[in-house]
Amino acid sequence: MQQNILLTIKDKYSELPESERKIAEVIISDPLNVIQMNAAQLAKRADSSAAAVIRFCRSIHVKGFTELKLQLSAQTNMLQEDLHTDILPGEELEQIKKKLLMNTNYMLEKTNTSLEDGLIESVADLLAECPAIYVYGLGASYIVAMDIKQKFTRLGKQVTCSQDQHELAASMAIAPQGSVYIGVSNSGEKKEGLVLMHLANELGLHTISLTKETNNPLSKLSKLALKTANVVEAPLRSGATISLLSQLYAVDIVFYRFMTKRYDENIKSLERSRKATTDLLHLFNEYSNPE
């Protein structure tokens, strides 16, 4: 699947040297006109060099300037609608939906690439064999931690998830052998998460981290490090929207791979848990309408 080249450039921008940043700025600000330029014209417009244009293409993993222009041309409709900008004052709902859909699709494609198949297999195998799971996440990552608890509890796993670090530490101290600790943090830099990951290692738990694709300290502390796309969010989308979706998507991938390990057994567990919630609803109705 072809990458969204303009979003790729925006994500790579902070990593580029100054000469290539100038080129990126021209492309981001005026992509439709760049399609009509040659490398020398772009270099002159950016106050850079033709050699820097070639290096820039390599930096964003494009074979050359011709391919870059072809990818921009393929996204002409999106460029004309200006879907790569942040949400604007008084913007129409339809335009907002298009922008969010484009960014979500881009994030999912990038996360698919970031999540290594072998690593997912190792995580799924570890979760299939472990007697208990302990999960921690702070802020928006707590939503992801609770999603892990909800999913794996319904398959019969003993899952403890708490934002109370003392409670979690006490529970992990008496964890059965072979238990797993999962630390969820988009940045991978929060002190609370680092301390708990360090403790989990000291207590002998198998450790897994779920962070964005950077060289962050939480991923270094964990035995297995799942990483989602490192996507730059625009200011008005800064409610961790894209990173949250990315983490939830990663959890889904691990969960479905876990399901396939013992498919028949897991399906039966899901059916029993679904029946229990249905029975509970019926009981509530009976107590609400006594004869």
C-alpha atoms as a PDB file:
ATOM      1  CA  MET A   1       0.000   0.000   0.000  1.00  0.00           C
ATOM      2  CA  GLN A   2       1.349   3.416  -0.962  1.00  0.00           C
ATOM      3  CA  GLN A   3       2.321   5.672   1.916  1.00  0.00           C
ATOM      4  CA  ASN A   4       0.723   9.046   2.550  1.00  0.00           C
ATOM      5  CA  ILE A   5       3.787  10.944   1.473  1.00  0.00           C
ATOM      6  CA  LEU A   6       2.914  14.334   2.979  1.00  0.00           C
ATOM      7  CA  LEU A   7       2.201  12.878   6.424  1.00  0.00           C
ATOM      8  CA  THR A   8       5.409  10.856   6.163  1.00  0.00           C
ATOM      9  CA  ILE A   9       7.362  14.060   5.500  1.00  0.00           C
ATOM     10  CA  LYS A  10       5.748  15.760   8.505  1.00  0.00           C
ATOM     11  CA  ASP A  11       6.616  12.818  10.760  1.00  0.00           C
ATOM     12  CA  LYS A  12      10.225  12.721   9.563  1.00  0.00           C
ATOM     13  CA  TYR A  13      10.706  16.500   9.700  1.00  0.00           C
ATOM     14  CA  SER A  14      12.280  16.707  13.172  1.00  0.00           C
ATOM     15  CA  GLU A  15      14.871  14.063  12.247  1.00  0.00           C
ATOM     16  CA  LEU A  16      16.084  15.843   9.092  1.00  0.00           C
ATOM     17  CA  PRO A  17      19.236  17.995   8.830  1.00  0.00           C
ATOM     18  CA  GLU A  18      18.731  21.699   8.131  1.00  0.00           C
ATOM     19  CA  SER A  19      19.327  21.449   4.361  1.00  0.00           C
ATOM     20  CA  GLU A  20      16.625  18.775   4.030  1.00  0.00           C
ATOM     21  CA  ARG A  21      14.220  20.555   6.392  1.00  0.00           C
ATOM     22  CA  LYS A  22      14.150  23.497   3.980  1.00  0.00           C
ATOM     23  CA  ILE A  23      13.061  21.137   1.209  1.00  0.00           C
ATOM     24  CA  ALA A  24      10.442  19.547   3.440  1.00  0.00           C
ATOM     25  CA  GLU A  25       9.025  22.973   4.322  1.00  0.00           C
ATOM     26  CA  VAL A  26       8.536  23.889   0.654  1.00  0.00           C
ATOM     27  CA  ILE A  27       6.828  20.561  -0.111  1.00  0.00           C
ATOM     28  CA  ILE A  28       4.532  20.798   2.929  1.00  0.00           C
ATOM     29  CA  SER A  29       3.583  24.421   2.214  1.00  0.00           C
ATOM     30  CA  ASP A  30       3.042  24.070  -1.547  1.00  0.00           C
ATOM     31  CA  PRO A  31       2.813  20.386  -2.587  1.00  0.00           C
ATOM     32  CA  LEU A  32       0.756  20.954  -5.737  1.00  0.00           C
ATOM     33  CA  ASN A  33       3.349  23.294  -7.241  1.00  0.00           C
ATOM     34  CA  VAL A  34       6.201  20.952  -6.291  1.00  0.00           C
ATOM     35  CA  ILE A  35       4.643  18.369  -8.632  1.00  0.00           C
ATOM     36  CA  GLN A  36       5.442  20.729 -11.533  1.00  0.00           C
ATOM     37  CA  MET A  37       9.072  21.333 -10.487  1.00  0.00           C
ATOM     38  CA  ASN A  38      12.319  19.537 -11.236  1.00  0.00           C
ATOM     39  CA  ALA A  39      14.942  18.867  -8.544  1.00  0.00           C
ATOM     40  CA  ALA A  40      16.943  21.985  -9.365  1.00  0.00           C
ATOM     41  CA  GLN A  41      13.858  24.223  -9.173  1.00  0.00           C
ATOM     42  CA  LEU A  42      12.861  22.749  -5.805  1.00  0.00           C
ATOM     43  CA  ALA A  43      16.399  23.200  -4.498  1.00  0.00           C
ATOM     44  CA  LYS A  44      16.428  26.853  -5.580  1.00  0.00           C
ATOM     45  CA  ARG A  45      12.978  27.495  -4.037  1.00  0.00           C
ATOM     46  CA  ALA A  46      14.185  25.926  -0.768  1.00  0.00           C
ATOM     47  CA  ASP A  47      17.512  27.758  -0.813  1.00  0.00           C
ATOM     48  CA  SER A  48      19.218  24.365  -0.746  1.00  0.00           C
ATOM     49  CA  SER A  49      20.924  22.090  -3.290  1.00  0.00           C
ATOM     50  CA  ALA A  50      19.952  19.381  -5.785  1.00  0.00           C
ATOM     51  CA  ALA A  51      22.101  16.946  -3.793  1.00  0.00           C
ATOM     52  CA  ALA A  52      20.062  17.756  -0.676  1.00  0.00           C
ATOM     53  CA  VAL A  53      16.878  16.945  -2.624  1.00  0.00           C
ATOM     54  CA  ILE A  54      18.251  13.477  -3.387  1.00  0.00           C
ATOM     55  CA  ARG A  55      19.311  12.961   0.232  1.00  0.00           C
ATOM     56  CA  PHE A  56      15.875  14.113   1.374  1.00  0.00           C
ATOM     57  CA  CYS A  57      14.188  11.492  -0.820  1.00  0.00           C
ATOM     58  CA  ARG A  58      16.351   8.804   0.765  1.00  0.00           C
ATOM     59  CA  SER A  59      15.520  10.097   4.240  1.00  0.00           C
ATOM     60  CA  ILE A  60      11.797   9.608   3.635  1.00  0.00           C
ATOM     61  CA  HIS A  61      12.414   6.215   1.976  1.00  0.00           C
ATOM     62  CA  VAL A  62      11.547   7.299  -1.563  1.00  0.00           C
ATOM     63  CA  LYS A  63      13.719   6.115  -4.470  1.00  0.00           C
ATOM     64  CA  GLY A  64      14.070   9.546  -6.044  1.00  0.00           C
ATOM     65  CA  PHE A  65      12.493  12.898  -6.800  1.00  0.00           C
ATOM     66  CA  THR A  66      10.458  11.470  -9.698  1.00  0.00           C
ATOM     67  CA  GLU A  67       8.855   8.917  -7.390  1.00  0.00           C
ATOM     68  CA  LEU A  68       8.213  11.636  -4.810  1.00  0.00           C
ATOM     69  CA  LYS A  69       6.312  13.663  -7.408  1.00  0.00           C
ATOM     70  CA  LEU A  70       4.380  10.574  -8.516  1.00  0.00           C
ATOM     71  CA  GLN A  71       3.284   9.934  -4.927  1.00  0.00           C
ATOM     72  CA  LEU A  72       2.246  13.569  -4.516  1.00  0.00           C
ATOM     73  CA  SER A  73       0.321  13.377  -7.816  1.00  0.00           C
ATOM     74  CA  ALA A  74      -1.509  10.256  -6.628  1.00  0.00           C
ATOM     75  CA  GLN A  75      -2.793  12.272  -3.666  1.00  0.00           C
ATOM     76  CA  THR A  76      -3.866  15.318  -5.675  1.00  0.00           C
ATOM     77  CA  ASN A  77      -7.473  15.159  -4.487  1.00  0.00           C
ATOM     78  CA  MET A  78      -6.433  15.185  -0.831  1.00  0.00           C
ATOM     79  CA  LEU A  79      -3.958  17.989  -1.486  1.00  0.00           C
ATOM     80  CA  GLN A  80      -6.618  20.080  -3.242  1.00  0.00           C
ATOM     81  CA  GLU A  81      -8.973  19.582  -0.291  1.00  0.00           C
ATOM     82  CA  ASP A  82      -6.136  20.510   2.072  1.00  0.00           C
ATOM     83  CA  LEU A  83      -6.774  17.463   4.265  1.00  0.00           C
ATOM     84  CA  HIS A  84      -3.264  17.550   5.744  1.00  0.00           C
ATOM     85  CA  THR A  85      -3.886  20.689   7.793  1.00  0.00           C
ATOM     86  CA  ASP A  86      -5.150  20.798  11.360  1.00  0.00           C
ATOM     87  CA  ILE A  87      -8.850  21.340  12.126  1.00  0.00           C
ATOM     88  CA  LEU A  88      -9.722  24.930  11.174  1.00  0.00           C
ATOM     89  CA  PRO A  89     -12.167  27.433  12.772  1.00  0.00           C
ATOM     90  CA  GLY A  90     -15.729  26.865  11.542  1.00  0.00           C
ATOM     91  CA  GLU A  91     -14.690  23.832   9.485  1.00  0.00           C
ATOM     92  CA  GLU A  92     -17.491  21.720   7.977  1.00  0.00           C
ATOM     93  CA  LEU A  93     -18.197  18.399   9.666  1.00  0.00           C
ATOM     94  CA  GLU A  94     -17.629  16.466   6.439  1.00  0.00           C
ATOM     95  CA  GLN A  95     -14.136  17.947   6.147  1.00  0.00           C
ATOM     96  CA  ILE A  96     -13.356  17.084   9.773  1.00  0.00           C
ATOM     97  CA  LYS A  97     -14.410  13.487   9.144  1.00  0.00           C
ATOM     98  CA  LYS A  98     -12.209  13.266   6.048  1.00  0.00           C
ATOM     99  CA  LYS A  99      -9.176  14.600   7.903  1.00  0.00           C
ATOM    100  CA  LEU A 100      -9.567  12.240  10.844  1.00  0.00           C
ATOM    101  CA  LEU A 101     -10.183   9.269   8.538  1.00  0.00           C
ATOM    102  CA  MET A 102      -7.049  10.051   6.534  1.00  0.00           C
ATOM    103  CA  ASN A 103      -4.913  10.355   9.675  1.00  0.00           C
ATOM    104  CA  THR A 104      -6.355   7.177  11.179  1.00  0.00           C
ATOM    105  CA  ASN A 105      -5.687   5.168   8.021  1.00  0.00           C
ATOM    106  CA  TYR A 106      -2.141   6.501   7.899  1.00  0.00           C
ATOM    107  CA  MET A 107      -1.559   5.599  11.543  1.00  0.00           C
ATOM    108  CA  LEU A 108      -2.878   2.045  11.088  1.00  0.00           C
ATOM    109  CA  GLU A 109      -0.681   1.450   8.043  1.00  0.00           C
ATOM    110  CA  LYS A 110       2.402   2.749   9.865  1.00  0.00           C
ATOM    111  CA  THR A 111       1.631   0.688  12.983  1.00  0.00           C
ATOM    112  CA  ASN A 112       1.265  -2.452  10.865  1.00  0.00           C
ATOM    113  CA  THR A 113       4.812  -1.856   9.690  1.00  0.00           C
ATOM    114  CA  SER A 114       6.120  -1.014  13.169  1.00  0.00           C
ATOM    115  CA  LEU A 115       4.777  -4.155  14.853  1.00  0.00           C
ATOM    116  CA  GLU A 116       7.187  -6.993  14.086  1.00  0.00           C
ATOM    117  CA  ASP A 117       5.535 -10.358  13.397  1.00  0.00           C
ATOM    118  CA  GLY A 118       8.070 -12.320  15.425  1.00  0.00           C
ATOM    119  CA  LEU A 119       7.587 -10.052  18.417  1.00  0.00           C
ATOM    120  CA  ILE A 120       3.794 -10.396  18.268  1.00  0.00           C
ATOM    121  CA  GLU A 121       4.194 -14.186  18.181  1.00  0.00           C
ATOM    122  CA  SER A 122       6.452 -14.090  21.245  1.00  0.00           C
ATOM    123  CA  VAL A 123       4.024 -11.870  23.176  1.00  0.00           C
ATOM    124  CA  ALA A 124       1.014 -14.038  22.261  1.00  0.00           C
ATOM    125  CA  ASP A 125       2.868 -17.212  23.280  1.00  0.00           C
ATOM    126  CA  LEU A 126       3.917 -15.665  26.580  1.00  0.00           C
ATOM    127  CA  LEU A 127       0.378 -14.535  27.392  1.00  0.00           C
ATOM    128  CA  ALA A 128      -1.021 -17.937  26.451  1.00  0.00           C
ATOM    129  CA  GLU A 129       1.224 -19.692  28.974  1.00  0.00           C
ATOM    130  CA  CYS A 130       1.281 -17.192  31.856  1.00  0.00           C
ATOM    131  CA  PRO A 131      -0.885 -17.726  34.986  1.00  0.00           C
ATOM    132  CA  ALA A 132      -1.532 -14.008  35.612  1.00  0.00           C
ATOM    133  CA  ILE A 133      -1.180 -10.624  33.914  1.00  0.00           C
ATOM    134  CA  TYR A 134      -0.498  -7.264  35.576  1.00  0.00           C
ATOM    135  CA  VAL A 135      -1.069  -4.084  33.572  1.00  0.00           C
ATOM    136  CA  TYR A 136      -0.283  -0.419  34.174  1.00  0.00           C
ATOM    137  CA  GLY A 137      -0.992   2.683  32.130  1.00  0.00           C
ATOM    138  CA  LEU A 138      -1.311   6.350  33.051  1.00  0.00           C
ATOM    139  CA  GLY A 139      -3.705   8.892  31.520  1.00  0.00           C
ATOM    140  CA  ALA A 140      -4.919   7.837  28.071  1.00  0.00           C
ATOM    141  CA  SER A 141      -2.751   4.717  28.345  1.00  0.00           C
ATOM    142  CA  TYR A 142      -4.937   3.581  31.258  1.00  0.00           C
ATOM    143  CA  ILE A 143      -7.771   3.168  28.734  1.00  0.00           C
ATOM    144  CA  VAL A 144      -5.534   0.780  26.806  1.00  0.00           C
ATOM    145  CA  ALA A 145      -4.562  -1.036  30.007  1.00  0.00           C
ATOM    146  CA  MET A 146      -8.243  -1.526  30.863  1.00  0.00           C
ATOM    147  CA  ASP A 147      -8.899  -2.781  27.326  1.00  0.00           C
ATOM    148  CA  ILE A 148      -6.216  -5.435  27.871  1.00  0.00           C
ATOM    149  CA  LYS A 149      -7.866  -6.418  31.155  1.00  0.00           C
ATOM    150  CA  GLN A 150     -11.344  -6.607  29.604  1.00  0.00           C
ATOM    151  CA  LYS A 151     -10.230  -8.701  26.644  1.00  0.00           C
ATOM    152  CA  PHE A 152      -8.068 -11.249  28.433  1.00  0.00           C
ATOM    153  CA  THR A 153     -10.295 -11.588  31.502  1.00  0.00           C
ATOM    154  CA  ARG A 154     -13.059 -12.854  29.208  1.00  0.00           C
ATOM    155  CA  LEU A 155     -10.704 -15.615  28.088  1.00  0.00           C
ATOM    156  CA  GLY A 156     -10.132 -16.823  31.631  1.00  0.00           C
ATOM    157  CA  LYS A 157      -6.903 -14.995  32.385  1.00  0.00           C
ATOM    158  CA  GLN A 158      -6.351 -13.474  35.812  1.00  0.00           C
ATOM    159  CA  VAL A 159      -5.674  -9.818  35.009  1.00  0.00           C
ATOM    160  CA  THR A 160      -4.901  -7.065  37.517  1.00  0.00           C
ATOM    161  CA  CYS A 161      -5.036  -3.474  36.312  1.00  0.00           C
ATOM    162  CA  SER A 162      -4.782  -0.519  38.653  1.00  0.00           C
ATOM    163  CA  GLN A 163      -3.555   3.072  38.659  1.00  0.00           C
ATOM    164  CA  ASP A 164      -2.679   2.622  42.334  1.00  0.00           C
ATOM    165  CA  GLN A 165       1.010   1.776  42.101  1.00  0.00           C
ATOM    166  CA  HIS A 166       1.212   0.504  45.685  1.00  0.00           C
ATOM    167  CA  GLU A 167      -1.680  -1.905  45.086  1.00  0.00           C
ATOM    168  CA  LEU A 168      -0.109  -3.148  41.868  1.00  0.00           C
ATOM    169  CA  ALA A 169       3.321  -3.542  43.471  1.00  0.00           C
ATOM    170  CA  ALA A 170       1.845  -5.557  46.353  1.00  0.00           C
ATOM    171  CA  SER A 171      -0.031  -7.816  43.919  1.00  0.00           C
ATOM    172  CA  MET A 172       3.056  -8.405  41.773  1.00  0.00           C
ATOM    173  CA  ALA A 173       5.117  -9.290  44.837  1.00  0.00           C
ATOM    174  CA  ILE A 174       3.014 -12.443  45.323  1.00  0.00           C
ATOM    175  CA  ALA A 175       2.472 -13.196  41.643  1.00  0.00           C
ATOM    176  CA  PRO A 176       2.665 -16.860  40.636  1.00  0.00           C
ATOM    177  CA  GLN A 177       5.791 -17.887  38.755  1.00  0.00           C
ATOM    178  CA  GLY A 178       5.640 -17.121  35.042  1.00  0.00           C
ATOM    179  CA  SER A 179       3.365 -14.096  35.428  1.00  0.00           C
ATOM    180  CA  VAL A 180       3.557 -11.166  33.020  1.00  0.00           C
ATOM    181  CA  TYR A 181       3.715  -7.416  33.564  1.00  0.00           C
ATOM    182  CA  ILE A 182       2.644  -5.085  30.722  1.00  0.00           C
ATOM    183  CA  GLY A 183       3.584  -1.403  30.867  1.00  0.00           C
ATOM    184  CA  VAL A 184       1.616   0.868  28.507  1.00  0.00           C
ATOM    185  CA  SER A 185       2.921   4.347  27.704  1.00  0.00           C
ATOM    186  CA  ASN A 186       2.949   6.172  24.390  1.00  0.00           C
ATOM    187  CA  SER A 187       6.071   8.184  25.242  1.00  0.00           C
ATOM    188  CA  GLY A 188       7.711   5.417  27.249  1.00  0.00           C
ATOM    189  CA  GLU A 189       9.168   8.092  29.503  1.00  0.00           C
ATOM    190  CA  LYS A 190       6.758   8.490  32.446  1.00  0.00           C
ATOM    191  CA  LYS A 191       8.536   7.978  35.765  1.00  0.00           C
ATOM    192  CA  GLU A 192       5.644   5.980  37.253  1.00  0.00           C
ATOM    193  CA  GLY A 193       5.760   3.448  34.442  1.00  0.00           C
ATOM    194  CA  LEU A 194       9.556   3.168  34.546  1.00  0.00           C
ATOM    195  CA  VAL A 195       9.552   2.473  38.292  1.00  0.00           C
ATOM    196  CA  LEU A 196       6.912  -0.270  37.987  1.00  0.00           C
ATOM    197  CA  MET A 197       8.698  -1.886  35.023  1.00  0.00           C
ATOM    198  CA  HIS A 198      11.931  -1.899  37.016  1.00  0.00           C
ATOM    199  CA  LEU A 199      10.127  -3.484  39.982  1.00  0.00           C
ATOM    200  CA  ALA A 200       8.489  -6.127  37.760  1.00  0.00           C
ATOM    201  CA  ASN A 201      11.935  -7.115  36.474  1.00  0.00           C
ATOM    202  CA  GLU A 202      13.300  -7.312  40.017  1.00  0.00           C
ATOM    203  CA  LEU A 203      10.377  -9.536  41.044  1.00  0.00           C
ATOM    204  CA  GLY A 204      11.097 -11.925  38.174  1.00  0.00           C
ATOM    205  CA  LEU A 205       8.004 -11.244  36.056  1.00  0.00           C
ATOM    206  CA  HIS A 206       8.125 -11.467  32.292  1.00  0.00           C
ATOM    207  CA  THR A 207       7.910  -7.863  31.092  1.00  0.00           C
ATOM    208  CA  ILE A 208       6.273  -6.362  28.001  1.00  0.00           C
ATOM    209  CA  SER A 209       6.096  -2.700  27.004  1.00  0.00           C
ATOM    210  CA  LEU A 210       3.733  -0.993  24.561  1.00  0.00           C
ATOM    211  CA  THR A 211       5.113   2.359  23.424  1.00  0.00           C
ATOM    212  CA  LYS A 212       5.595   4.429  20.291  1.00  0.00           C
ATOM    213  CA  GLU A 213       8.458   3.629  17.934  1.00  0.00           C
ATOM    214  CA  THR A 214      11.288   5.523  19.601  1.00  0.00           C
ATOM    215  CA  ASN A 215      14.374   4.551  21.557  1.00  0.00           C
ATOM    216  CA  ASN A 216      12.530   5.203  24.831  1.00  0.00           C
ATOM    217  CA  PRO A 217      13.567   4.018  28.329  1.00  0.00           C
ATOM    218  CA  LEU A 218      10.459   1.892  29.000  1.00  0.00           C
ATOM    219  CA  SER A 219      11.052  -0.245  25.906  1.00  0.00           C
ATOM    220  CA  LYS A 220      14.690  -0.696  26.947  1.00  0.00           C
ATOM    221  CA  LEU A 221      13.656  -1.959  30.399  1.00  0.00           C
ATOM    222  CA  SER A 222      11.168  -4.542  29.097  1.00  0.00           C
ATOM    223  CA  LYS A 223      12.064  -8.012  27.821  1.00  0.00           C
ATOM    224  CA  LEU A 224       9.634  -7.653  24.890  1.00  0.00           C
ATOM    225  CA  ALA A 225       8.952  -4.218  23.403  1.00  0.00           C
ATOM    226  CA  LEU A 226       5.894  -3.690  21.218  1.00  0.00           C
ATOM    227  CA  LYS A 227       6.099  -0.399  19.318  1.00  0.00           C
ATOM    228  CA  THR A 228       3.408   1.485  17.440  1.00  0.00           C
ATOM    229  CA  ALA A 229       3.860   4.170  14.799  1.00  0.00           C
ATOM    230  CA  ASN A 230       5.522   7.346  16.005  1.00  0.00           C
ATOM    231  CA  VAL A 231       3.010   9.749  14.433  1.00  0.00           C
ATOM    232  CA  VAL A 232       3.074  13.492  15.057  1.00  0.00           C
ATOM    233  CA  GLU A 233      -0.360  14.734  16.133  1.00  0.00           C
ATOM    234  CA  ALA A 234      -1.621  18.163  15.145  1.00  0.00           C
ATOM    235  CA  PRO A 235      -2.385  20.551  18.073  1.00  0.00           C
ATOM    236  CA  LEU A 236      -6.185  20.163  17.983  1.00  0.00           C
ATOM    237  CA  ARG A 237      -5.840  16.390  17.816  1.00  0.00           C
ATOM    238  CA  SER A 238      -3.555  16.348  20.831  1.00  0.00           C
ATOM    239  CA  GLY A 239      -6.006  14.522  23.098  1.00  0.00           C
ATOM    240  CA  ALA A 240      -3.845  11.448  22.426  1.00  0.00           C
ATOM    241  CA  THR A 241      -6.396  10.476  19.755  1.00  0.00           C
ATOM    242  CA  ILE A 242      -4.041   8.977  17.204  1.00  0.00           C
ATOM    243  CA  SER A 243      -1.647   7.413  19.712  1.00  0.00           C
ATOM    244  CA  LEU A 244      -4.570   5.926  21.652  1.00  0.00           C
ATOM    245  CA  LEU A 245      -6.048   4.361  18.517  1.00  0.00           C
ATOM    246  CA  SER A 246      -2.613   3.042  17.607  1.00  0.00           C
ATOM    247  CA  GLN A 247      -2.192   1.345  20.982  1.00  0.00           C
ATOM    248  CA  LEU A 248      -5.701  -0.136  20.929  1.00  0.00           C
ATOM    249  CA  TYR A 249      -5.023  -1.469  17.446  1.00  0.00           C
ATOM    250  CA  ALA A 250      -1.797  -3.112  18.648  1.00  0.00           C
ATOM    251  CA  VAL A 251      -3.686  -4.745  21.524  1.00  0.00           C
ATOM    252  CA  ASP A 252      -6.255  -6.082  19.051  1.00  0.00           C
ATOM    253  CA  ILE A 253      -3.543  -7.655  16.902  1.00  0.00           C
ATOM    254  CA  VAL A 254      -1.979  -9.385  19.910  1.00  0.00           C
ATOM    255  CA  PHE A 255      -5.415 -10.456  21.159  1.00  0.00           C
ATOM    256  CA  TYR A 256      -6.451 -12.044  17.865  1.00  0.00           C
ATOM    257  CA  ARG A 257      -3.120 -13.840  17.551  1.00  0.00           C
ATOM    258  CA  PHE A 258      -3.591 -15.055  21.123  1.00  0.00           C
ATOM    259  CA  MET A 259      -7.082 -16.285  20.170  1.00  0.00           C
ATOM    260  CA  THR A 260      -5.699 -18.456  17.386  1.00  0.00           C
ATOM    261  CA  LYS A 261      -3.276 -20.232  19.720  1.00  0.00           C
ATOM    262  CA  ARG A 262      -6.108 -22.125  21.447  1.00  0.00           C
ATOM    263  CA  TYR A 263      -8.994 -21.178  19.243  1.00  0.00           C
ATOM    264  CA  ASP A 264     -11.691 -23.669  20.338  1.00  0.00           C
ATOM    265  CA  GLU A 265     -10.953 -23.201  24.018  1.00  0.00           C
ATOM    266  CA  ASN A 266     -10.943 -19.410  23.710  1.00  0.00           C
ATOM    267  CA  ILE A 267     -14.190 -19.312  21.736  1.00  0.00           C
ATOM    268  CA  LYS A 268     -15.883 -21.350  24.475  1.00  0.00           C
ATOM    269  CA  SER A 269     -14.588 -18.905  27.102  1.00  0.00           C
ATOM    270  CA  LEU A 270     -15.996 -15.965  25.140  1.00  0.00           C
ATOM    271  CA  GLU A 271     -19.349 -17.706  24.773  1.00  0.00           C
ATOM    272  CA  ARG A 272     -19.532 -18.441  28.515  1.00  0.00           C
ATOM    273  CA  SER A 273     -18.637 -14.876  29.452  1.00  0.00           C
ATOM    274  CA  ARG A 274     -21.160 -13.486  26.956  1.00  0.00           C
ATOM    275  CA  LYS A 275     -23.853 -15.785  28.365  1.00  0.00           C
ATOM    276  CA  ALA A 276     -23.054 -14.627  31.909  1.00  0.00           C
ATOM    277  CA  THR A 277     -23.575 -10.962  30.985  1.00  0.00           C
ATOM    278  CA  THR A 278     -26.850 -11.845  29.230  1.00  0.00           C
ATOM    279  CA  ASP A 279     -28.043 -13.824  32.278  1.00  0.00           C
ATOM    280  CA  LEU A 280     -27.122 -10.890  34.500  1.00  0.00           C
ATOM    281  CA  LEU A 281     -29.312  -8.584  32.408  1.00  0.00           C
ATOM    282  CA  HIS A 282     -32.228 -10.993  32.704  1.00  0.00           C
ATOM    283  CA  LEU A 283     -31.771 -11.149  36.482  1.00  0.00           C
ATOM    284  CA  PHE A 284     -31.789  -7.350  36.693  1.00  0.00           C
ATOM    285  CA  ASN A 285     -35.041  -7.300  34.734  1.00  0.00           C
ATOM    286  CA  GLU A 286     -36.597  -9.868  37.070  1.00  0.00           C
ATOM    287  CA  TYR A 287     -35.658  -7.872  40.158  1.00  0.00           C
ATOM    288  CA  SER A 288     -36.893  -4.674  38.535  1.00  0.00           C
ATOM    289  CA  ASN A 289     -40.283  -6.260  37.758  1.00  0.00           C
ATOM    290  CA  PRO A 290     -41.141  -8.591  40.677  1.00  0.00           C
ATOM    291  CA  GLU A 291     -44.447 -10.445  40.457  1.00  0.00           C
END
